[in-house]
PDB file of N, CA and C in Angstrom:
ATOM      1  N   UNK A   1      -4.697   4.644   1.523  1.00  0.00           N
ATOM      2  CA  UNK A   1      -3.841   4.209   0.422  1.00  0.00           C
ATOM      3  C   UNK A   1      -3.324   2.813   0.740  1.00  0.00           C
ATOM      4  N   UNK A   2      -3.539   1.900  -0.171  1.00  0.00           N
ATOM      5  CA  UNK A   2      -3.079   0.528  -0.041  1.00  0.00           C
ATOM      6  C   UNK A   2      -1.832   0.363  -0.906  1.00  0.00           C
ATOM      7  N   UNK A   3      -0.708  -0.024  -0.282  1.00  0.00           N
ATOM      8  CA  UNK A   3       0.568  -0.152  -0.994  1.00  0.00           C
ATOM      9  C   UNK A   3       1.123  -1.552  -0.754  1.00  0.00           C
ATOM     10  N   UNK A   4       1.241  -2.358  -1.833  1.00  0.00           N
ATOM     11  CA  UNK A   4       1.714  -3.726  -1.725  1.00  0.00           C
ATOM     12  C   UNK A   4       2.903  -3.941  -2.653  1.00  0.00           C
ATOM     13  N   UNK A   5       4.006  -4.414  -2.083  1.00  0.00           N
ATOM     14  CA  UNK A   5       5.205  -4.723  -2.862  1.00  0.00           C
ATOM     15  C   UNK A   5       5.020  -6.075  -3.536  1.00  0.00           C
ATOM     16  N   UNK A   6       5.267  -6.171  -4.856  1.00  0.00           N
ATOM     17  CA  UNK A   6       5.149  -7.448  -5.549  1.00  0.00           C
ATOM     18  C   UNK A   6       6.428  -7.863  -6.275  1.00  0.00           C
ATOM     19  N   UNK A   7       7.369  -6.947  -6.478  1.00  0.00           N
ATOM     20  CA  UNK A   7       8.626  -7.290  -7.155  1.00  0.00           C
ATOM     21  C   UNK A   7       9.730  -6.353  -6.665  1.00  0.00           C
ATOM     22  N   UNK A   8      10.952  -6.876  -6.656  1.00  0.00           N
ATOM     23  CA  UNK A   8      12.082  -6.058  -6.222  1.00  0.00           C
ATOM     24  C   UNK A   8      13.315  -6.430  -7.032  1.00  0.00           C
ATOM     25  N   UNK A   9      14.380  -5.686  -6.826  1.00  0.00           N
ATOM     26  CA  UNK A   9      15.647  -5.899  -7.539  1.00  0.00           C
ATOM     27  C   UNK A   9      15.428  -5.975  -9.050  1.00  0.00           C
ATOM     28  N   UNK A  10      14.585  -5.077  -9.542  1.00  0.00           N
ATOM     29  CA  UNK A  10      14.244  -5.070 -10.964  1.00  0.00           C
ATOM     30  C   UNK A  10      15.267  -4.257 -11.762  1.00  0.00           C
ATOM     31  N   UNK A  11      15.547  -4.726 -12.954  1.00  0.00           N
ATOM     32  CA  UNK A  11      16.361  -3.988 -13.923  1.00  0.00           C
ATOM     33  C   UNK A  11      15.422  -3.684 -15.084  1.00  0.00           C
ATOM     34  N   UNK A  12      15.257  -2.386 -15.388  1.00  0.00           N
ATOM     35  CA  UNK A  12      14.247  -1.963 -16.356  1.00  0.00           C
ATOM     36  C   UNK A  12      14.819  -1.015 -17.403  1.00  0.00           C
ATOM     37  N   UNK A  13      14.268  -1.093 -18.596  1.00  0.00           N
ATOM     38  CA  UNK A  13      14.517  -0.096 -19.630  1.00  0.00           C
ATOM     39  C   UNK A  13      13.349   0.878 -19.576  1.00  0.00           C
ATOM     40  N   UNK A  14      13.679   2.163 -19.577  1.00  0.00           N
ATOM     41  CA  UNK A  14      12.641   3.185 -19.489  1.00  0.00           C
ATOM     42  C   UNK A  14      12.246   3.686 -20.868  1.00  0.00           C
ATOM     43  N   UNK A  15      11.162   4.418 -20.919  1.00  0.00           N
ATOM     44  CA  UNK A  15      10.630   4.965 -22.171  1.00  0.00           C
ATOM     45  C   UNK A  15      11.650   5.847 -22.894  1.00  0.00           C
ATOM     46  N   UNK A  16      12.513   6.547 -22.114  1.00  0.00           N
ATOM     47  CA  UNK A  16      13.525   7.421 -22.721  1.00  0.00           C
ATOM     48  C   UNK A  16      14.790   6.667 -23.150  1.00  0.00           C
ATOM     49  N   UNK A  17      14.802   5.329 -22.975  1.00  0.00           N
ATOM     50  CA  UNK A  17      15.919   4.509 -23.431  1.00  0.00           C
ATOM     51  C   UNK A  17      16.975   4.213 -22.377  1.00  0.00           C
ATOM     52  N   UNK A  18      16.896   4.839 -21.220  1.00  0.00           N
ATOM     53  CA  UNK A  18      17.872   4.567 -20.171  1.00  0.00           C
ATOM     54  C   UNK A  18      17.515   3.272 -19.436  1.00  0.00           C
ATOM     55  N   UNK A  19      18.503   2.725 -18.761  1.00  0.00           N
ATOM     56  CA  UNK A  19      18.310   1.513 -17.970  1.00  0.00           C
ATOM     57  C   UNK A  19      18.537   1.843 -16.506  1.00  0.00           C
ATOM     58  N   UNK A  20      17.659   1.359 -15.649  1.00  0.00           N
ATOM     59  CA  UNK A  20      17.800   1.570 -14.209  1.00  0.00           C
ATOM     60  C   UNK A  20      17.758   0.218 -13.499  1.00  0.00           C
ATOM     61  N   UNK A  21      18.420   0.161 -12.356  1.00  0.00           N
ATOM     62  CA  UNK A  21      18.450  -1.062 -11.552  1.00  0.00           C
ATOM     63  C   UNK A  21      17.924  -0.776 -10.161  1.00  0.00           C
ATOM     64  N   UNK A  22      17.655  -1.830  -9.421  1.00  0.00           N
ATOM     65  CA  UNK A  22      17.168  -1.762  -8.045  1.00  0.00           C
ATOM     66  C   UNK A  22      15.824  -1.042  -7.963  1.00  0.00           C
ATOM     67  N   UNK A  23      14.944  -1.327  -8.915  1.00  0.00           N
ATOM     68  CA  UNK A  23      13.589  -0.780  -8.950  1.00  0.00           C
ATOM     69  C   UNK A  23      12.670  -1.748  -8.216  1.00  0.00           C
ATOM     70  N   UNK A  24      11.652  -1.205  -7.557  1.00  0.00           N
ATOM     71  CA  UNK A  24      10.652  -2.022  -6.878  1.00  0.00           C
ATOM     72  C   UNK A  24       9.296  -1.808  -7.547  1.00  0.00           C
ATOM     73  N   UNK A  25       8.518  -2.878  -7.625  1.00  0.00           N
ATOM     74  CA  UNK A  25       7.175  -2.810  -8.184  1.00  0.00           C
ATOM     75  C   UNK A  25       6.136  -2.901  -7.083  1.00  0.00           C
ATOM     76  N   UNK A  26       5.220  -1.954  -7.080  1.00  0.00           N
ATOM     77  CA  UNK A  26       4.156  -1.898  -6.074  1.00  0.00           C
ATOM     78  C   UNK A  26       2.803  -1.876  -6.766  1.00  0.00           C
ATOM     79  N   UNK A  27       1.785  -2.283  -6.021  1.00  0.00           N
ATOM     80  CA  UNK A  27       0.404  -2.008  -6.398  1.00  0.00           C
ATOM     81  C   UNK A  27      -0.080  -0.971  -5.395  1.00  0.00           C
ATOM     82  N   UNK A  28      -0.452   0.207  -5.912  1.00  0.00           N
ATOM     83  CA  UNK A  28      -0.958   1.290  -5.071  1.00  0.00           C
ATOM     84  C   UNK A  28      -2.294   1.737  -5.651  1.00  0.00           C
ATOM     85  N   UNK A  29      -3.330   1.625  -4.857  1.00  0.00           N
ATOM     86  CA  UNK A  29      -4.683   2.008  -5.290  1.00  0.00           C
ATOM     87  C   UNK A  29      -5.059   1.370  -6.626  1.00  0.00           C
ATOM     88  N   UNK A  30      -4.799   0.066  -6.746  1.00  0.00           N
ATOM     89  CA  UNK A  30      -5.133  -0.734  -7.934  1.00  0.00           C
ATOM     90  C   UNK A  30      -4.420  -0.285  -9.199  1.00  0.00           C
ATOM     91  N   UNK A  31      -3.213   0.274  -9.068  1.00  0.00           N
ATOM     92  CA  UNK A  31      -2.367   0.625 -10.208  1.00  0.00           C
ATOM     93  C   UNK A  31      -0.957   0.110  -9.945  1.00  0.00           C
ATOM     94  N   UNK A  32      -0.276  -0.305 -11.025  1.00  0.00           N
ATOM     95  CA  UNK A  32       1.128  -0.704 -10.901  1.00  0.00           C
ATOM     96  C   UNK A  32       1.980   0.548 -10.837  1.00  0.00           C
ATOM     97  N   UNK A  33       2.860   0.596  -9.857  1.00  0.00           N
ATOM     98  CA  UNK A  33       3.746   1.745  -9.677  1.00  0.00           C
ATOM     99  C   UNK A  33       5.158   1.214  -9.504  1.00  0.00           C
ATOM    100  N   UNK A  34       6.093   1.794 -10.238  1.00  0.00           N
ATOM    101  CA  UNK A  34       7.498   1.405 -10.139  1.00  0.00           C
ATOM    102  C   UNK A  34       8.272   2.544  -9.505  1.00  0.00           C
ATOM    103  N   UNK A  35       9.106   2.193  -8.494  1.00  0.00           N
ATOM    104  CA  UNK A  35       9.874   3.207  -7.768  1.00  0.00           C
ATOM    105  C   UNK A  35      11.344   2.820  -7.713  1.00  0.00           C
ATOM    106  N   UNK A  36      12.200   3.833  -7.777  1.00  0.00           N
ATOM    107  CA  UNK A  36      13.624   3.613  -7.596  1.00  0.00           C
ATOM    108  C   UNK A  36      13.907   3.407  -6.111  1.00  0.00           C
ATOM    109  N   UNK A  37      15.149   3.064  -5.805  1.00  0.00           N
ATOM    110  CA  UNK A  37      15.515   2.866  -4.395  1.00  0.00           C
ATOM    111  C   UNK A  37      15.385   4.153  -3.586  1.00  0.00           C
ATOM    112  N   UNK A  38      15.371   5.305  -4.271  1.00  0.00           N
ATOM    113  CA  UNK A  38      15.205   6.605  -3.613  1.00  0.00           C
ATOM    114  C   UNK A  38      13.741   7.027  -3.516  1.00  0.00           C
ATOM    115  N   UNK A  39      12.810   6.081  -3.797  1.00  0.00           N
ATOM    116  CA  UNK A  39      11.361   6.329  -3.722  1.00  0.00           C
ATOM    117  C   UNK A  39      10.855   7.290  -4.808  1.00  0.00           C
ATOM    118  N   UNK A  40      11.577   7.417  -5.917  1.00  0.00           N
ATOM    119  CA  UNK A  40      11.140   8.239  -7.043  1.00  0.00           C
ATOM    120  C   UNK A  40      10.237   7.378  -7.930  1.00  0.00           C
ATOM    121  N   UNK A  41       9.023   7.859  -8.197  1.00  0.00           N
ATOM    122  CA  UNK A  41       8.085   7.134  -9.052  1.00  0.00           C
ATOM    123  C   UNK A  41       8.507   7.299 -10.505  1.00  0.00           C
ATOM    124  N   UNK A  42       8.597   6.180 -11.220  1.00  0.00           N
ATOM    125  CA  UNK A  42       8.990   6.205 -12.629  1.00  0.00           C
ATOM    126  C   UNK A  42       7.743   6.410 -13.479  1.00  0.00           C
ATOM    127  N   UNK A  43       7.605   7.612 -14.024  1.00  0.00           N
ATOM    128  CA  UNK A  43       6.438   7.986 -14.808  1.00  0.00           C
ATOM    129  C   UNK A  43       6.859   8.951 -15.914  1.00  0.00           C
ATOM    130  N   UNK A  44       5.965   9.241 -16.839  1.00  0.00           N
ATOM    131  CA  UNK A  44       6.284  10.152 -17.952  1.00  0.00           C
ATOM    132  C   UNK A  44       7.366   9.559 -18.837  1.00  0.00           C
ATOM    133  N   UNK A  45       8.408  10.350 -19.172  1.00  0.00           N
ATOM    134  CA  UNK A  45       9.523   9.849 -19.982  1.00  0.00           C
ATOM    135  C   UNK A  45      10.313   8.782 -19.253  1.00  0.00           C
ATOM    136  N   UNK A  46      10.191   8.740 -17.945  1.00  0.00           N
ATOM    137  CA  UNK A  46      10.897   7.750 -17.123  1.00  0.00           C
ATOM    138  C   UNK A  46      10.015   6.532 -16.808  1.00  0.00           C
ATOM    139  N   UNK A  47       8.944   6.364 -17.573  1.00  0.00           N
ATOM    140  CA  UNK A  47       8.039   5.237 -17.375  1.00  0.00           C
ATOM    141  C   UNK A  47       8.714   3.932 -17.815  1.00  0.00           C
ATOM    142  N   UNK A  48       8.457   2.849 -17.098  1.00  0.00           N
ATOM    143  CA  UNK A  48       9.051   1.548 -17.424  1.00  0.00           C
ATOM    144  C   UNK A  48       8.490   1.040 -18.751  1.00  0.00           C
ATOM    145  N   UNK A  49       9.412   0.717 -19.661  1.00  0.00           N
ATOM    146  CA  UNK A  49       9.032   0.170 -20.966  1.00  0.00           C
ATOM    147  C   UNK A  49       9.197  -1.348 -20.970  1.00  0.00           C
ATOM    148  N   UNK A  50      10.344  -1.840 -20.491  1.00  0.00           N
ATOM    149  CA  UNK A  50      10.632  -3.276 -20.446  1.00  0.00           C
ATOM    150  C   UNK A  50      11.248  -3.632 -19.106  1.00  0.00           C
ATOM    151  N   UNK A  51      10.882  -4.785 -18.591  1.00  0.00           N
ATOM    152  CA  UNK A  51      11.506  -5.310 -17.381  1.00  0.00           C
ATOM    153  C   UNK A  51      12.464  -6.405 -17.823  1.00  0.00           C
ATOM    154  N   UNK A  52      13.745  -6.188 -17.570  1.00  0.00           N
ATOM    155  CA  UNK A  52      14.773  -7.123 -18.009  1.00  0.00           C
ATOM    156  C   UNK A  52      15.029  -8.224 -16.976  1.00  0.00           C
ATOM    157  N   UNK A  53      14.994  -7.866 -15.712  1.00  0.00           N
ATOM    158  CA  UNK A  53      15.198  -8.810 -14.611  1.00  0.00           C
ATOM    159  C   UNK A  53      14.318  -8.389 -13.451  1.00  0.00           C
ATOM    160  N   UNK A  54      13.877  -9.364 -12.652  1.00  0.00           N
ATOM    161  CA  UNK A  54      13.090  -9.033 -11.462  1.00  0.00           C
ATOM    162  C   UNK A  54      13.043 -10.232 -10.529  1.00  0.00           C
ATOM    163  N   UNK A  55      12.938  -9.942  -9.255  1.00  0.00           N
ATOM    164  CA  UNK A  55      12.675 -10.962  -8.244  1.00  0.00           C
ATOM    165  C   UNK A  55      11.211 -10.772  -7.846  1.00  0.00           C
ATOM    166  N   UNK A  56      10.384 -11.736  -8.222  1.00  0.00           N
ATOM    167  CA  UNK A  56       8.949 -11.656  -7.956  1.00  0.00           C
ATOM    168  C   UNK A  56       8.691 -12.217  -6.561  1.00  0.00           C
ATOM    169  N   UNK A  57       7.962 -11.465  -5.754  1.00  0.00           N
ATOM    170  CA  UNK A  57       7.707 -11.898  -4.385  1.00  0.00           C
ATOM    171  C   UNK A  57       6.209 -12.037  -4.100  1.00  0.00           C
ATOM    172  N   UNK A  58       5.466 -12.399  -5.116  1.00  0.00           N
ATOM    173  CA  UNK A  58       4.033 -12.647  -4.957  1.00  0.00           C
ATOM    174  C   UNK A  58       3.704 -13.970  -5.633  1.00  0.00           C
ATOM    175  N   UNK A  59       2.561 -14.505  -5.331  1.00  0.00           N
ATOM    176  CA  UNK A  59       2.101 -15.756  -5.934  1.00  0.00           C
ATOM    177  C   UNK A  59       1.883 -15.546  -7.434  1.00  0.00           C
ATOM    178  N   UNK A  60       2.213 -16.541  -8.264  1.00  0.00           N
ATOM    179  CA  UNK A  60       2.036 -16.396  -9.719  1.00  0.00           C
ATOM    180  C   UNK A  60       0.615 -16.001 -10.150  1.00  0.00           C
ATOM    181  N   UNK A  61      -0.400 -16.484  -9.453  1.00  0.00           N
ATOM    182  CA  UNK A  61      -1.771 -16.111  -9.818  1.00  0.00           C
ATOM    183  C   UNK A  61      -2.019 -14.628  -9.541  1.00  0.00           C
ATOM    184  N   UNK A  62      -1.415 -14.104  -8.480  1.00  0.00           N
ATOM    185  CA  UNK A  62      -1.537 -12.676  -8.198  1.00  0.00           C
ATOM    186  C   UNK A  62      -0.801 -11.848  -9.247  1.00  0.00           C
ATOM    187  N   UNK A  63       0.327 -12.359  -9.707  1.00  0.00           N
ATOM    188  CA  UNK A  63       1.113 -11.638 -10.713  1.00  0.00           C
ATOM    189  C   UNK A  63       0.314 -11.452 -12.006  1.00  0.00           C
ATOM    190  N   UNK A  64      -0.442 -12.447 -12.387  1.00  0.00           N
ATOM    191  CA  UNK A  64      -1.281 -12.341 -13.584  1.00  0.00           C
ATOM    192  C   UNK A  64      -2.279 -11.186 -13.418  1.00  0.00           C
ATOM    193  N   UNK A  65      -2.896 -11.096 -12.266  1.00  0.00           N
ATOM    194  CA  UNK A  65      -3.858 -10.007 -12.002  1.00  0.00           C
ATOM    195  C   UNK A  65      -3.160  -8.649 -11.985  1.00  0.00           C
ATOM    196  N   UNK A  66      -1.967  -8.613 -11.396  1.00  0.00           N
ATOM    197  CA  UNK A  66      -1.215  -7.357 -11.304  1.00  0.00           C
ATOM    198  C   UNK A  66      -0.843  -6.855 -12.699  1.00  0.00           C
ATOM    199  N   UNK A  67      -0.422  -7.744 -13.585  1.00  0.00           N
ATOM    200  CA  UNK A  67      -0.021  -7.344 -14.928  1.00  0.00           C
ATOM    201  C   UNK A  67      -1.191  -6.803 -15.743  1.00  0.00           C
ATOM    202  N   UNK A  68      -2.402  -7.102 -15.336  1.00  0.00           N
ATOM    203  CA  UNK A  68      -3.588  -6.593 -16.035  1.00  0.00           C
ATOM    204  C   UNK A  68      -3.989  -5.202 -15.529  1.00  0.00           C
ATOM    205  N   UNK A  69      -3.386  -4.736 -14.419  1.00  0.00           N
ATOM    206  CA  UNK A  69      -3.718  -3.423 -13.876  1.00  0.00           C
ATOM    207  C   UNK A  69      -3.098  -2.306 -14.722  1.00  0.00           C
ATOM    208  N   UNK A  70      -3.675  -1.139 -14.619  1.00  0.00           N
ATOM    209  CA  UNK A  70      -3.153   0.044 -15.302  1.00  0.00           C
ATOM    210  C   UNK A  70      -1.815   0.432 -14.671  1.00  0.00           C
ATOM    211  N   UNK A  71      -0.879   0.831 -15.525  1.00  0.00           N
ATOM    212  CA  UNK A  71       0.440   1.283 -15.070  1.00  0.00           C
ATOM    213  C   UNK A  71       0.384   2.776 -14.796  1.00  0.00           C
ATOM    214  N   UNK A  72       0.841   3.198 -13.617  1.00  0.00           N
ATOM    215  CA  UNK A  72       0.851   4.613 -13.234  1.00  0.00           C
ATOM    216  C   UNK A  72       1.838   5.398 -14.074  1.00  0.00           C
TER     217      UNK A  72
END
């Protein structure tokens, strides 16, 4: 399993309408995965709908490729 952190300190609106903070964005097995600070994967009704704020820690060219990946 390949796990790469690309964003942190994210503030996101979820599919169910709630807002969460301190989310991290990873690429795991060629999929975008968002996790809370407690390592809970945000999926299903808790899937990320909008990213309101984020600290990006990857090169901009890599970010373009990451955004094209399937979201877990």
